[in-house]
Amino acid sequence: MTLYLLSVHGVDEGSYATPEDMKRAFRDVEELNEQLRQQGAWVFAGGLHPASTASVVRATDGALLHTDGPYLESKEHIGGFWIIQAPDREAALRWAEKATVACQGAVEVRPFQDDTTA
């Protein structure tokens, strides 16, 4: 099984048209999470606070610099994610199809690199 990151991309403010849309998305995401658990694909998932709460730490010429705000200036940011196990890319894409409907946002699918240290 390969690990995949399913990352949800969207805008921080106004992601949902109405409070009811947000409630429906939260309910649908929890239903998807339960499906992932039942199918043995669940590893971990989480929602993130807005990008405005981020801090970036950089090491430059031996000095550590902390800055407030997201790493990239962008209208869209990662708002949440799943880490799942899937036998192949096609299976991961099928989970992403369910995820994009449930959370009402674009979902990027990326495999983790193989662990060659073990």
PDB file of N, CA and C in Angstrom:
ATOM      1  N   MET A   1       0.844  -1.187   0.000  1.00  0.00           N
ATOM      2  CA  MET A   1       0.000   0.000   0.000  1.00  0.00           C
ATOM      3  C   MET A   1       0.886   1.245   0.000  1.00  0.00           C
ATOM      4  N   THR A   2       0.455   2.235  -0.718  1.00  0.00           N
ATOM      5  CA  THR A   2       1.157   3.505  -0.791  1.00  0.00           C
ATOM      6  C   THR A   2       0.390   4.536   0.027  1.00  0.00           C
ATOM      7  N   LEU A   3       1.117   5.436   0.680  1.00  0.00           N
ATOM      8  CA  LEU A   3       0.488   6.547   1.372  1.00  0.00           C
ATOM      9  C   LEU A   3       0.292   7.696   0.394  1.00  0.00           C
ATOM     10  N   TYR A   4      -0.864   8.327   0.476  1.00  0.00           N
ATOM     11  CA  TYR A   4      -1.189   9.476  -0.365  1.00  0.00           C
ATOM     12  C   TYR A   4      -1.658  10.627   0.507  1.00  0.00           C
ATOM     13  N   LEU A   5      -1.284  11.840   0.105  1.00  0.00           N
ATOM     14  CA  LEU A   5      -1.791  13.054   0.718  1.00  0.00           C
ATOM     15  C   LEU A   5      -2.919  13.575  -0.158  1.00  0.00           C
ATOM     16  N   LEU A   6      -4.093  13.724   0.420  1.00  0.00           N
ATOM     17  CA  LEU A   6      -5.211  14.372  -0.264  1.00  0.00           C
ATOM     18  C   LEU A   6      -5.353  15.734   0.404  1.00  0.00           C
ATOM     19  N   SER A   7      -4.922  16.787  -0.257  1.00  0.00           N
ATOM     20  CA  SER A   7      -4.964  18.119   0.343  1.00  0.00           C
ATOM     21  C   SER A   7      -6.102  18.935  -0.257  1.00  0.00           C
ATOM     22  N   VAL A   8      -6.808  19.616   0.628  1.00  0.00           N
ATOM     23  CA  VAL A   8      -7.970  20.413   0.233  1.00  0.00           C
ATOM     24  C   VAL A   8      -7.509  21.849   0.021  1.00  0.00           C
ATOM     25  N   HIS A   9      -7.741  22.360  -1.164  1.00  0.00           N
ATOM     26  CA  HIS A   9      -7.349  23.724  -1.499  1.00  0.00           C
ATOM     27  C   HIS A   9      -8.589  24.594  -1.594  1.00  0.00           C
ATOM     28  N   GLY A  10      -8.502  25.787  -1.026  1.00  0.00           N
ATOM     29  CA  GLY A  10      -9.613  26.715  -1.102  1.00  0.00           C
ATOM     30  C   GLY A  10      -9.201  28.067  -0.572  1.00  0.00           C
ATOM     31  N   VAL A  11     -10.148  28.969  -0.539  1.00  0.00           N
ATOM     32  CA  VAL A  11      -9.892  30.303  -0.005  1.00  0.00           C
ATOM     33  C   VAL A  11     -10.232  30.305   1.473  1.00  0.00           C
ATOM     34  N   ASP A  12      -9.511  31.095   2.244  1.00  0.00           N
ATOM     35  CA  ASP A  12      -9.745  31.136   3.686  1.00  0.00           C
ATOM     36  C   ASP A  12     -11.117  31.704   4.036  1.00  0.00           C
ATOM     37  N   GLU A  13     -11.450  32.793   3.428  1.00  0.00           N
ATOM     38  CA  GLU A  13     -12.710  33.463   3.757  1.00  0.00           C
ATOM     39  C   GLU A  13     -13.768  33.110   2.725  1.00  0.00           C
ATOM     40  N   GLY A  14     -14.957  32.827   3.199  1.00  0.00           N
ATOM     41  CA  GLY A  14     -16.071  32.596   2.301  1.00  0.00           C
ATOM     42  C   GLY A  14     -15.992  31.303   1.516  1.00  0.00           C
ATOM     43  N   SER A  15     -15.438  30.257   2.104  1.00  0.00           N
ATOM     44  CA  SER A  15     -15.337  28.983   1.399  1.00  0.00           C
ATOM     45  C   SER A  15     -16.711  28.380   1.133  1.00  0.00           C
ATOM     46  N   TYR A  16     -17.673  28.696   1.987  1.00  0.00           N
ATOM     47  CA  TYR A  16     -19.023  28.144   1.850  1.00  0.00           C
ATOM     48  C   TYR A  16     -19.998  29.285   1.630  1.00  0.00           C
ATOM     49  N   ALA A  17     -20.964  29.054   0.744  1.00  0.00           N
ATOM     50  CA  ALA A  17     -21.928  30.101   0.404  1.00  0.00           C
ATOM     51  C   ALA A  17     -22.824  30.452   1.591  1.00  0.00           C
ATOM     52  N   THR A  18     -23.184  29.452   2.385  1.00  0.00           N
ATOM     53  CA  THR A  18     -24.068  29.681   3.526  1.00  0.00           C
ATOM     54  C   THR A  18     -23.593  28.838   4.707  1.00  0.00           C
ATOM     55  N   PRO A  19     -24.040  29.188   5.920  1.00  0.00           N
ATOM     56  CA  PRO A  19     -23.722  28.346   7.073  1.00  0.00           C
ATOM     57  C   PRO A  19     -24.243  26.912   6.909  1.00  0.00           C
ATOM     58  N   GLU A  20     -25.359  26.765   6.227  1.00  0.00           N
ATOM     59  CA  GLU A  20     -25.913  25.431   5.987  1.00  0.00           C
ATOM     60  C   GLU A  20     -24.991  24.611   5.084  1.00  0.00           C
ATOM     61  N   ASP A  21     -24.378  25.273   4.079  1.00  0.00           N
ATOM     62  CA  ASP A  21     -23.412  24.582   3.220  1.00  0.00           C
ATOM     63  C   ASP A  21     -22.226  24.084   4.038  1.00  0.00           C
ATOM     64  N   MET A  22     -21.772  24.903   4.973  1.00  0.00           N
ATOM     65  CA  MET A  22     -20.652  24.513   5.822  1.00  0.00           C
ATOM     66  C   MET A  22     -21.035  23.318   6.695  1.00  0.00           C
ATOM     67  N   LYS A  23     -22.207  23.351   7.294  1.00  0.00           N
ATOM     68  CA  LYS A  23     -22.662  22.232   8.136  1.00  0.00           C
ATOM     69  C   LYS A  23     -22.764  20.945   7.309  1.00  0.00           C
ATOM     70  N   ARG A  24     -23.296  21.072   6.101  1.00  0.00           N
ATOM     71  CA  ARG A  24     -23.426  19.898   5.228  1.00  0.00           C
ATOM     72  C   ARG A  24     -22.042  19.348   4.883  1.00  0.00           C
ATOM     73  N   ALA A  25     -21.089  20.234   4.571  1.00  0.00           N
ATOM     74  CA  ALA A  25     -19.738  19.779   4.235  1.00  0.00           C
ATOM     75  C   ALA A  25     -19.097  19.067   5.419  1.00  0.00           C
ATOM     76  N   PHE A  26     -19.242  19.623   6.627  1.00  0.00           N
ATOM     77  CA  PHE A  26     -18.657  18.984   7.809  1.00  0.00           C
ATOM     78  C   PHE A  26     -19.276  17.600   8.020  1.00  0.00           C
ATOM     79  N   ARG A  27     -20.598  17.495   7.845  1.00  0.00           N
ATOM     80  CA  ARG A  27     -21.280  16.202   7.988  1.00  0.00           C
ATOM     81  C   ARG A  27     -20.796  15.219   6.921  1.00  0.00           C
ATOM     82  N   ASP A  28     -20.711  15.685   5.685  1.00  0.00           N
ATOM     83  CA  ASP A  28     -20.288  14.812   4.588  1.00  0.00           C
ATOM     84  C   ASP A  28     -18.838  14.367   4.746  1.00  0.00           C
ATOM     85  N   VAL A  29     -17.983  15.237   5.249  1.00  0.00           N
ATOM     86  CA  VAL A  29     -16.583  14.879   5.481  1.00  0.00           C
ATOM     87  C   VAL A  29     -16.501  13.808   6.568  1.00  0.00           C
ATOM     88  N   GLU A  30     -17.292  13.950   7.628  1.00  0.00           N
ATOM     89  CA  GLU A  30     -17.258  12.926   8.680  1.00  0.00           C
ATOM     90  C   GLU A  30     -17.755  11.582   8.146  1.00  0.00           C
ATOM     91  N   GLU A  31     -18.748  11.599   7.266  1.00  0.00           N
ATOM     92  CA  GLU A  31     -19.212  10.349   6.635  1.00  0.00           C
ATOM     93  C   GLU A  31     -18.097   9.745   5.788  1.00  0.00           C
ATOM     94  N   LEU A  32     -17.380  10.572   5.044  1.00  0.00           N
ATOM     95  CA  LEU A  32     -16.252  10.081   4.251  1.00  0.00           C
ATOM     96  C   LEU A  32     -15.175   9.510   5.162  1.00  0.00           C
ATOM     97  N   ASN A  33     -14.874  10.203   6.264  1.00  0.00           N
ATOM     98  CA  ASN A  33     -13.873   9.697   7.207  1.00  0.00           C
ATOM     99  C   ASN A  33     -14.260   8.309   7.709  1.00  0.00           C
ATOM    100  N   GLU A  34     -15.534   8.112   7.982  1.00  0.00           N
ATOM    101  CA  GLU A  34     -15.985   6.795   8.460  1.00  0.00           C
ATOM    102  C   GLU A  34     -15.815   5.737   7.365  1.00  0.00           C
ATOM    103  N   GLN A  35     -16.096   6.084   6.123  1.00  0.00           N
ATOM    104  CA  GLN A  35     -15.880   5.152   5.006  1.00  0.00           C
ATOM    105  C   GLN A  35     -14.403   4.784   4.893  1.00  0.00           C
ATOM    106  N   LEU A  36     -13.528   5.784   5.014  1.00  0.00           N
ATOM    107  CA  LEU A  36     -12.090   5.531   4.953  1.00  0.00           C
ATOM    108  C   LEU A  36     -11.663   4.573   6.069  1.00  0.00           C
ATOM    109  N   ARG A  37     -12.196   4.784   7.276  1.00  0.00           N
ATOM    110  CA  ARG A  37     -11.870   3.895   8.405  1.00  0.00           C
ATOM    111  C   ARG A  37     -12.353   2.475   8.130  1.00  0.00           C
ATOM    112  N   GLN A  38     -13.592   2.352   7.676  1.00  0.00           N
ATOM    113  CA  GLN A  38     -14.175   1.030   7.431  1.00  0.00           C
ATOM    114  C   GLN A  38     -13.433   0.270   6.335  1.00  0.00           C
ATOM    115  N   GLN A  39     -12.903   0.981   5.346  1.00  0.00           N
ATOM    116  CA  GLN A  39     -12.198   0.346   4.226  1.00  0.00           C
ATOM    117  C   GLN A  39     -10.712   0.135   4.511  1.00  0.00           C
ATOM    118  N   GLY A  40     -10.242   0.585   5.669  1.00  0.00           N
ATOM    119  CA  GLY A  40      -8.833   0.422   6.018  1.00  0.00           C
ATOM    120  C   GLY A  40      -7.908   1.394   5.309  1.00  0.00           C
ATOM    121  N   ALA A  41      -8.461   2.461   4.750  1.00  0.00           N
ATOM    122  CA  ALA A  41      -7.647   3.444   4.028  1.00  0.00           C
ATOM    123  C   ALA A  41      -7.239   4.609   4.924  1.00  0.00           C
ATOM    124  N   TRP A  42      -7.912   4.787   6.056  1.00  0.00           N
ATOM    125  CA  TRP A  42      -7.680   5.911   6.962  1.00  0.00           C
ATOM    126  C   TRP A  42      -6.307   5.811   7.616  1.00  0.00           C
ATOM    127  N   VAL A  43      -5.549   6.884   7.583  1.00  0.00           N
ATOM    128  CA  VAL A  43      -4.321   7.004   8.359  1.00  0.00           C
ATOM    129  C   VAL A  43      -4.464   8.190   9.309  1.00  0.00           C
ATOM    130  N   PHE A  44      -4.776   9.363   8.753  1.00  0.00           N
ATOM    131  CA  PHE A  44      -4.862  10.588   9.552  1.00  0.00           C
ATOM    132  C   PHE A  44      -5.528  11.663   8.712  1.00  0.00           C
ATOM    133  N   ALA A  45      -6.202  12.600   9.363  1.00  0.00           N
ATOM    134  CA  ALA A  45      -6.790  13.740   8.656  1.00  0.00           C
ATOM    135  C   ALA A  45      -6.855  14.924   9.604  1.00  0.00           C
ATOM    136  N   GLY A  46      -6.950  16.105   9.042  1.00  0.00           N
ATOM    137  CA  GLY A  46      -7.082  17.286   9.879  1.00  0.00           C
ATOM    138  C   GLY A  46      -7.455  18.511   9.081  1.00  0.00           C
ATOM    139  N   GLY A  47      -8.175  19.397   9.740  1.00  0.00           N
ATOM    140  CA  GLY A  47      -8.479  20.700   9.173  1.00  0.00           C
ATOM    141  C   GLY A  47      -7.518  21.725   9.748  1.00  0.00           C
ATOM    142  N   LEU A  48      -7.246  22.750   9.006  1.00  0.00           N
ATOM    143  CA  LEU A  48      -6.285  23.767   9.423  1.00  0.00           C
ATOM    144  C   LEU A  48      -6.978  25.101   9.663  1.00  0.00           C
ATOM    145  N   HIS A  49      -6.428  25.874  10.593  1.00  0.00           N
ATOM    146  CA  HIS A  49      -6.885  27.251  10.782  1.00  0.00           C
ATOM    147  C   HIS A  49      -6.493  28.051   9.534  1.00  0.00           C
ATOM    148  N   PRO A  50      -7.047  29.261   9.361  1.00  0.00           N
ATOM    149  CA  PRO A  50      -6.727  30.068   8.173  1.00  0.00           C
ATOM    150  C   PRO A  50      -5.220  30.314   8.017  1.00  0.00           C
ATOM    151  N   ALA A  51      -4.804  30.532   6.794  1.00  0.00           N
ATOM    152  CA  ALA A  51      -3.390  30.772   6.491  1.00  0.00           C
ATOM    153  C   ALA A  51      -2.840  31.986   7.235  1.00  0.00           C
ATOM    154  N   SER A  52      -3.693  32.908   7.606  1.00  0.00           N
ATOM    155  CA  SER A  52      -3.238  34.089   8.341  1.00  0.00           C
ATOM    156  C   SER A  52      -2.668  33.730   9.709  1.00  0.00           C
ATOM    157  N   THR A  53      -2.946  32.531  10.213  1.00  0.00           N
ATOM    158  CA  THR A  53      -2.412  32.096  11.513  1.00  0.00           C
ATOM    159  C   THR A  53      -1.066  31.408  11.373  1.00  0.00           C
ATOM    160  N   ALA A  54      -0.572  31.250  10.156  1.00  0.00           N
ATOM    161  CA  ALA A  54       0.674  30.525   9.905  1.00  0.00           C
ATOM    162  C   ALA A  54       1.899  31.349  10.276  1.00  0.00           C
ATOM    163  N   SER A  55       2.977  30.650  10.526  1.00  0.00           N
ATOM    164  CA  SER A  55       4.309  31.239  10.679  1.00  0.00           C
ATOM    165  C   SER A  55       5.258  30.429   9.817  1.00  0.00           C
ATOM    166  N   VAL A  56       6.268  31.083   9.292  1.00  0.00           N
ATOM    167  CA  VAL A  56       7.269  30.418   8.466  1.00  0.00           C
ATOM    168  C   VAL A  56       8.615  30.566   9.161  1.00  0.00           C
ATOM    169  N   VAL A  57       9.361  29.473   9.250  1.00  0.00           N
ATOM    170  CA  VAL A  57      10.697  29.491   9.841  1.00  0.00           C
ATOM    171  C   VAL A  57      11.690  29.158   8.741  1.00  0.00           C
ATOM    172  N   ARG A  58      12.710  30.005   8.580  1.00  0.00           N
ATOM    173  CA  ARG A  58      13.731  29.805   7.549  1.00  0.00           C
ATOM    174  C   ARG A  58      15.111  29.838   8.190  1.00  0.00           C
ATOM    175  N   ALA A  59      15.986  29.014   7.653  1.00  0.00           N
ATOM    176  CA  ALA A  59      17.401  29.073   8.022  1.00  0.00           C
ATOM    177  C   ALA A  59      18.141  29.660   6.827  1.00  0.00           C
ATOM    178  N   THR A  60      18.735  30.841   7.019  1.00  0.00           N
ATOM    179  CA  THR A  60      19.459  31.514   5.948  1.00  0.00           C
ATOM    180  C   THR A  60      20.819  31.942   6.466  1.00  0.00           C
ATOM    181  N   ASP A  61      21.853  31.439   5.835  1.00  0.00           N
ATOM    182  CA  ASP A  61      23.223  31.785   6.224  1.00  0.00           C
ATOM    183  C   ASP A  61      23.462  31.589   7.728  1.00  0.00           C
ATOM    184  N   GLY A  62      22.930  30.501   8.272  1.00  0.00           N
ATOM    185  CA  GLY A  62      23.121  30.179   9.678  1.00  0.00           C
ATOM    186  C   GLY A  62      22.205  30.916  10.631  1.00  0.00           C
ATOM    187  N   ALA A  63      21.390  31.830  10.139  1.00  0.00           N
ATOM    188  CA  ALA A  63      20.464  32.580  10.996  1.00  0.00           C
ATOM    189  C   ALA A  63      19.056  32.017  10.824  1.00  0.00           C
ATOM    190  N   LEU A  64      18.304  31.970  11.916  1.00  0.00           N
ATOM    191  CA  LEU A  64      16.916  31.520  11.871  1.00  0.00           C
ATOM    192  C   LEU A  64      16.002  32.734  11.854  1.00  0.00           C
ATOM    193  N   LEU A  65      15.083  32.731  10.919  1.00  0.00           N
ATOM    194  CA  LEU A  65      14.159  33.849  10.760  1.00  0.00           C
ATOM    195  C   LEU A  65      12.735  33.320  10.863  1.00  0.00           C
ATOM    196  N   HIS A  66      11.935  33.940  11.714  1.00  0.00           N
ATOM    197  CA  HIS A  66      10.518  33.613  11.857  1.00  0.00           C
ATOM    198  C   HIS A  66       9.716  34.762  11.257  1.00  0.00           C
ATOM    199  N   THR A  67       8.756  34.438  10.383  1.00  0.00           N
ATOM    200  CA  THR A  67       7.872  35.469   9.844  1.00  0.00           C
ATOM    201  C   THR A  67       6.430  35.014  10.000  1.00  0.00           C
ATOM    202  N   ASP A  68       5.536  35.975  10.201  1.00  0.00           N
ATOM    203  CA  ASP A  68       4.120  35.668  10.312  1.00  0.00           C
ATOM    204  C   ASP A  68       3.508  35.559   8.928  1.00  0.00           C
ATOM    205  N   GLY A  69       2.494  34.725   8.834  1.00  0.00           N
ATOM    206  CA  GLY A  69       1.762  34.590   7.590  1.00  0.00           C
ATOM    207  C   GLY A  69       2.196  33.373   6.800  1.00  0.00           C
ATOM    208  N   PRO A  70       1.473  33.076   5.755  1.00  0.00           N
ATOM    209  CA  PRO A  70       1.751  31.876   4.962  1.00  0.00           C
ATOM    210  C   PRO A  70       3.050  32.000   4.167  1.00  0.00           C
ATOM    211  N   TYR A  71       3.579  30.855   3.769  1.00  0.00           N
ATOM    212  CA  TYR A  71       4.800  30.796   2.978  1.00  0.00           C
ATOM    213  C   TYR A  71       4.608  31.472   1.627  1.00  0.00           C
ATOM    214  N   LEU A  72       3.482  31.220   0.995  1.00  0.00           N
ATOM    215  CA  LEU A  72       3.200  31.781  -0.328  1.00  0.00           C
ATOM    216  C   LEU A  72       2.090  32.818  -0.242  1.00  0.00           C
ATOM    217  N   GLU A  73       2.218  33.881  -0.986  1.00  0.00           N
ATOM    218  CA  GLU A  73       1.135  34.844  -1.131  1.00  0.00           C
ATOM    219  C   GLU A  73       0.207  34.292  -2.207  1.00  0.00           C
ATOM    220  N   SER A  74      -0.975  33.915  -1.795  1.00  0.00           N
ATOM    221  CA  SER A  74      -1.895  33.266  -2.715  1.00  0.00           C
ATOM    222  C   SER A  74      -3.318  33.443  -2.218  1.00  0.00           C
ATOM    223  N   LYS A  75      -4.283  33.411  -3.129  1.00  0.00           N
ATOM    224  CA  LYS A  75      -5.683  33.450  -2.726  1.00  0.00           C
ATOM    225  C   LYS A  75      -6.117  32.103  -2.161  1.00  0.00           C
ATOM    226  N   GLU A  76      -5.524  31.020  -2.659  1.00  0.00           N
ATOM    227  CA  GLU A  76      -5.878  29.682  -2.196  1.00  0.00           C
ATOM    228  C   GLU A  76      -4.782  29.129  -1.300  1.00  0.00           C
ATOM    229  N   HIS A  77      -5.204  28.385  -0.292  1.00  0.00           N
ATOM    230  CA  HIS A  77      -4.287  27.746   0.643  1.00  0.00           C
ATOM    231  C   HIS A  77      -4.810  26.356   0.971  1.00  0.00           C
ATOM    232  N   ILE A  78      -3.976  25.551   1.578  1.00  0.00           N
ATOM    233  CA  ILE A  78      -4.421  24.248   2.053  1.00  0.00           C
ATOM    234  C   ILE A  78      -5.252  24.468   3.302  1.00  0.00           C
ATOM    235  N   GLY A  79      -6.474  23.983   3.263  1.00  0.00           N
ATOM    236  CA  GLY A  79      -7.386  24.158   4.387  1.00  0.00           C
ATOM    237  C   GLY A  79      -7.522  22.916   5.243  1.00  0.00           C
ATOM    238  N   GLY A  80      -7.110  21.793   4.701  1.00  0.00           N
ATOM    239  CA  GLY A  80      -7.196  20.527   5.421  1.00  0.00           C
ATOM    240  C   GLY A  80      -6.607  19.430   4.570  1.00  0.00           C
ATOM    241  N   PHE A  81      -6.583  18.227   5.134  1.00  0.00           N
ATOM    242  CA  PHE A  81      -5.942  17.133   4.402  1.00  0.00           C
ATOM    243  C   PHE A  81      -6.342  15.789   4.970  1.00  0.00           C
ATOM    244  N   TRP A  82      -6.129  14.774   4.183  1.00  0.00           N
ATOM    245  CA  TRP A  82      -6.191  13.380   4.600  1.00  0.00           C
ATOM    246  C   TRP A  82      -4.869  12.737   4.230  1.00  0.00           C
ATOM    247  N   ILE A  83      -4.425  11.830   5.027  1.00  0.00           N
ATOM    248  CA  ILE A  83      -3.355  10.913   4.642  1.00  0.00           C
ATOM    249  C   ILE A  83      -4.017   9.546   4.613  1.00  0.00           C
ATOM    250  N   ILE A  84      -3.983   8.928   3.445  1.00  0.00           N
ATOM    251  CA  ILE A  84      -4.667   7.644   3.274  1.00  0.00           C
ATOM    252  C   ILE A  84      -3.689   6.599   2.753  1.00  0.00           C
ATOM    253  N   GLN A  85      -4.092   5.336   2.880  1.00  0.00           N
ATOM    254  CA  GLN A  85      -3.384   4.223   2.248  1.00  0.00           C
ATOM    255  C   GLN A  85      -4.234   3.757   1.072  1.00  0.00           C
ATOM    256  N   ALA A  86      -3.609   3.533  -0.052  1.00  0.00           N
ATOM    257  CA  ALA A  86      -4.335   3.037  -1.215  1.00  0.00           C
ATOM    258  C   ALA A  86      -3.410   2.114  -2.002  1.00  0.00           C
ATOM    259  N   PRO A  87      -3.974   1.108  -2.646  1.00  0.00           N
ATOM    260  CA  PRO A  87      -3.135   0.175  -3.393  1.00  0.00           C
ATOM    261  C   PRO A  87      -2.480   0.788  -4.624  1.00  0.00           C
ATOM    262  N   ASP A  88      -3.095   1.861  -5.162  1.00  0.00           N
ATOM    263  CA  ASP A  88      -2.543   2.491  -6.359  1.00  0.00           C
ATOM    264  C   ASP A  88      -3.148   3.885  -6.534  1.00  0.00           C
ATOM    265  N   ARG A  89      -2.638   4.595  -7.532  1.00  0.00           N
ATOM    266  CA  ARG A  89      -3.069   5.968  -7.801  1.00  0.00           C
ATOM    267  C   ARG A  89      -4.561   6.037  -8.123  1.00  0.00           C
ATOM    268  N   GLU A  90      -5.047   5.077  -8.875  1.00  0.00           N
ATOM    269  CA  GLU A  90      -6.471   5.086  -9.260  1.00  0.00           C
ATOM    270  C   GLU A  90      -7.371   5.007  -8.033  1.00  0.00           C
ATOM    271  N   ALA A  91      -7.004   4.170  -7.075  1.00  0.00           N
ATOM    272  CA  ALA A  91      -7.796   4.068  -5.845  1.00  0.00           C
ATOM    273  C   ALA A  91      -7.737   5.379  -5.064  1.00  0.00           C
ATOM    274  N   ALA A  92      -6.558   6.004  -5.009  1.00  0.00           N
ATOM    275  CA  ALA A  92      -6.428   7.293  -4.326  1.00  0.00           C
ATOM    276  C   ALA A  92      -7.279   8.357  -5.011  1.00  0.00           C
ATOM    277  N   LEU A  93      -7.319   8.334  -6.337  1.00  0.00           N
ATOM    278  CA  LEU A  93      -8.141   9.296  -7.074  1.00  0.00           C
ATOM    279  C   LEU A  93      -9.625   9.077  -6.808  1.00  0.00           C
ATOM    280  N   ARG A  94     -10.047   7.832  -6.647  1.00  0.00           N
ATOM    281  CA  ARG A  94     -11.458   7.565  -6.327  1.00  0.00           C
ATOM    282  C   ARG A  94     -11.813   8.145  -4.956  1.00  0.00           C
ATOM    283  N   TRP A  95     -10.893   8.015  -3.975  1.00  0.00           N
ATOM    284  CA  TRP A  95     -11.129   8.639  -2.673  1.00  0.00           C
ATOM    285  C   TRP A  95     -11.171  10.158  -2.814  1.00  0.00           C
ATOM    286  N   ALA A  96     -10.308  10.727  -3.636  1.00  0.00           N
ATOM    287  CA  ALA A  96     -10.285  12.179  -3.840  1.00  0.00           C
ATOM    288  C   ALA A  96     -11.585  12.668  -4.476  1.00  0.00           C
ATOM    289  N   GLU A  97     -12.161  11.865  -5.361  1.00  0.00           N
ATOM    290  CA  GLU A  97     -13.451  12.227  -5.954  1.00  0.00           C
ATOM    291  C   GLU A  97     -14.516  12.354  -4.872  1.00  0.00           C
ATOM    292  N   LYS A  98     -14.526  11.406  -3.944  1.00  0.00           N
ATOM    293  CA  LYS A  98     -15.482  11.473  -2.830  1.00  0.00           C
ATOM    294  C   LYS A  98     -15.162  12.665  -1.929  1.00  0.00           C
ATOM    295  N   ALA A  99     -13.880  12.923  -1.718  1.00  0.00           N
ATOM    296  CA  ALA A  99     -13.459  14.004  -0.835  1.00  0.00           C
ATOM    297  C   ALA A  99     -13.850  15.371  -1.388  1.00  0.00           C
ATOM    298  N   THR A 100     -13.668  15.585  -2.683  1.00  0.00           N
ATOM    299  CA  THR A 100     -13.994  16.886  -3.260  1.00  0.00           C
ATOM    300  C   THR A 100     -15.481  17.177  -3.183  1.00  0.00           C
ATOM    301  N   VAL A 101     -16.305  16.155  -3.334  1.00  0.00           N
ATOM    302  CA  VAL A 101     -17.750  16.334  -3.191  1.00  0.00           C
ATOM    303  C   VAL A 101     -18.096  16.628  -1.736  1.00  0.00           C
ATOM    304  N   ALA A 102     -17.493  15.876  -0.811  1.00  0.00           N
ATOM    305  CA  ALA A 102     -17.812  16.026   0.606  1.00  0.00           C
ATOM    306  C   ALA A 102     -17.405  17.393   1.147  1.00  0.00           C
ATOM    307  N   CYS A 103     -16.196  17.835   0.839  1.00  0.00           N
ATOM    308  CA  CYS A 103     -15.703  19.082   1.447  1.00  0.00           C
ATOM    309  C   CYS A 103     -15.996  20.309   0.599  1.00  0.00           C
ATOM    310  N   GLN A 104     -16.495  20.115  -0.614  1.00  0.00           N
ATOM    311  CA  GLN A 104     -16.851  21.211  -1.516  1.00  0.00           C
ATOM    312  C   GLN A 104     -15.653  22.070  -1.878  1.00  0.00           C
ATOM    313  N   GLY A 105     -14.485  21.430  -2.037  1.00  0.00           N
ATOM    314  CA  GLY A 105     -13.276  22.143  -2.428  1.00  0.00           C
ATOM    315  C   GLY A 105     -12.402  21.252  -3.288  1.00  0.00           C
ATOM    316  N   ALA A 106     -11.476  21.865  -3.996  1.00  0.00           N
ATOM    317  CA  ALA A 106     -10.552  21.109  -4.834  1.00  0.00           C
ATOM    318  C   ALA A 106      -9.647  20.252  -3.955  1.00  0.00           C
ATOM    319  N   VAL A 107      -9.341  19.034  -4.399  1.00  0.00           N
ATOM    320  CA  VAL A 107      -8.502  18.112  -3.643  1.00  0.00           C
ATOM    321  C   VAL A 107      -7.348  17.660  -4.529  1.00  0.00           C
ATOM    322  N   GLU A 108      -6.133  17.912  -4.070  1.00  0.00           N
ATOM    323  CA  GLU A 108      -4.923  17.479  -4.767  1.00  0.00           C
ATOM    324  C   GLU A 108      -4.499  16.118  -4.227  1.00  0.00           C
ATOM    325  N   VAL A 109      -4.065  15.236  -5.112  1.00  0.00           N
ATOM    326  CA  VAL A 109      -3.615  13.896  -4.734  1.00  0.00           C
ATOM    327  C   VAL A 109      -2.123  13.782  -5.008  1.00  0.00           C
ATOM    328  N   ARG A 110      -1.341  13.423  -3.960  1.00  0.00           N
ATOM    329  CA  ARG A 110       0.105  13.257  -4.141  1.00  0.00           C
ATOM    330  C   ARG A 110       0.574  12.060  -3.331  1.00  0.00           C
ATOM    331  N   PRO A 111       1.347  11.180  -3.977  1.00  0.00           N
ATOM    332  CA  PRO A 111       1.897  10.050  -3.223  1.00  0.00           C
ATOM    333  C   PRO A 111       3.087  10.492  -2.382  1.00  0.00           C
ATOM    334  N   PHE A 112       3.252   9.822  -1.250  1.00  0.00           N
ATOM    335  CA  PHE A 112       4.451  10.029  -0.447  1.00  0.00           C
ATOM    336  C   PHE A 112       5.605   9.295  -1.110  1.00  0.00           C
ATOM    337  N   GLN A 113       6.803   9.780  -0.905  1.00  0.00           N
ATOM    338  CA  GLN A 113       7.995   9.084  -1.380  1.00  0.00           C
ATOM    339  C   GLN A 113       8.126   7.797  -0.589  1.00  0.00           C
ATOM    340  N   ASP A 114       8.709   6.769  -1.222  1.00  0.00           N
ATOM    341  CA  ASP A 114       8.952   5.525  -0.511  1.00  0.00           C
ATOM    342  C   ASP A 114       9.958   5.766   0.600  1.00  0.00           C
ATOM    343  N   ASP A 115       9.772   5.071   1.710  1.00  0.00           N
ATOM    344  CA  ASP A 115      10.702   5.176   2.826  1.00  0.00           C
ATOM    345  C   ASP A 115      11.877   4.245   2.562  1.00  0.00           C
ATOM    346  N   THR A 116      13.017   4.809   2.247  1.00  0.00           N
ATOM    347  CA  THR A 116      14.201   3.987   1.929  1.00  0.00           C
ATOM    348  C   THR A 116      15.145   3.893   3.106  1.00  0.00           C
ATOM    349  N   THR A 117      14.739   4.461   4.274  1.00  0.00           N
ATOM    350  CA  THR A 117      15.622   4.426   5.436  1.00  0.00           C
ATOM    351  C   THR A 117      15.416   3.190   6.293  1.00  0.00           C
ATOM    352  N   ALA A 118      14.336   2.482   6.098  1.00  0.00           N
ATOM    353  CA  ALA A 118      14.038   1.321   6.956  1.00  0.00           C
ATOM    354  C   ALA A 118      14.800   0.091   6.519  1.00  0.00           C
TER     355      ALA A 118
END
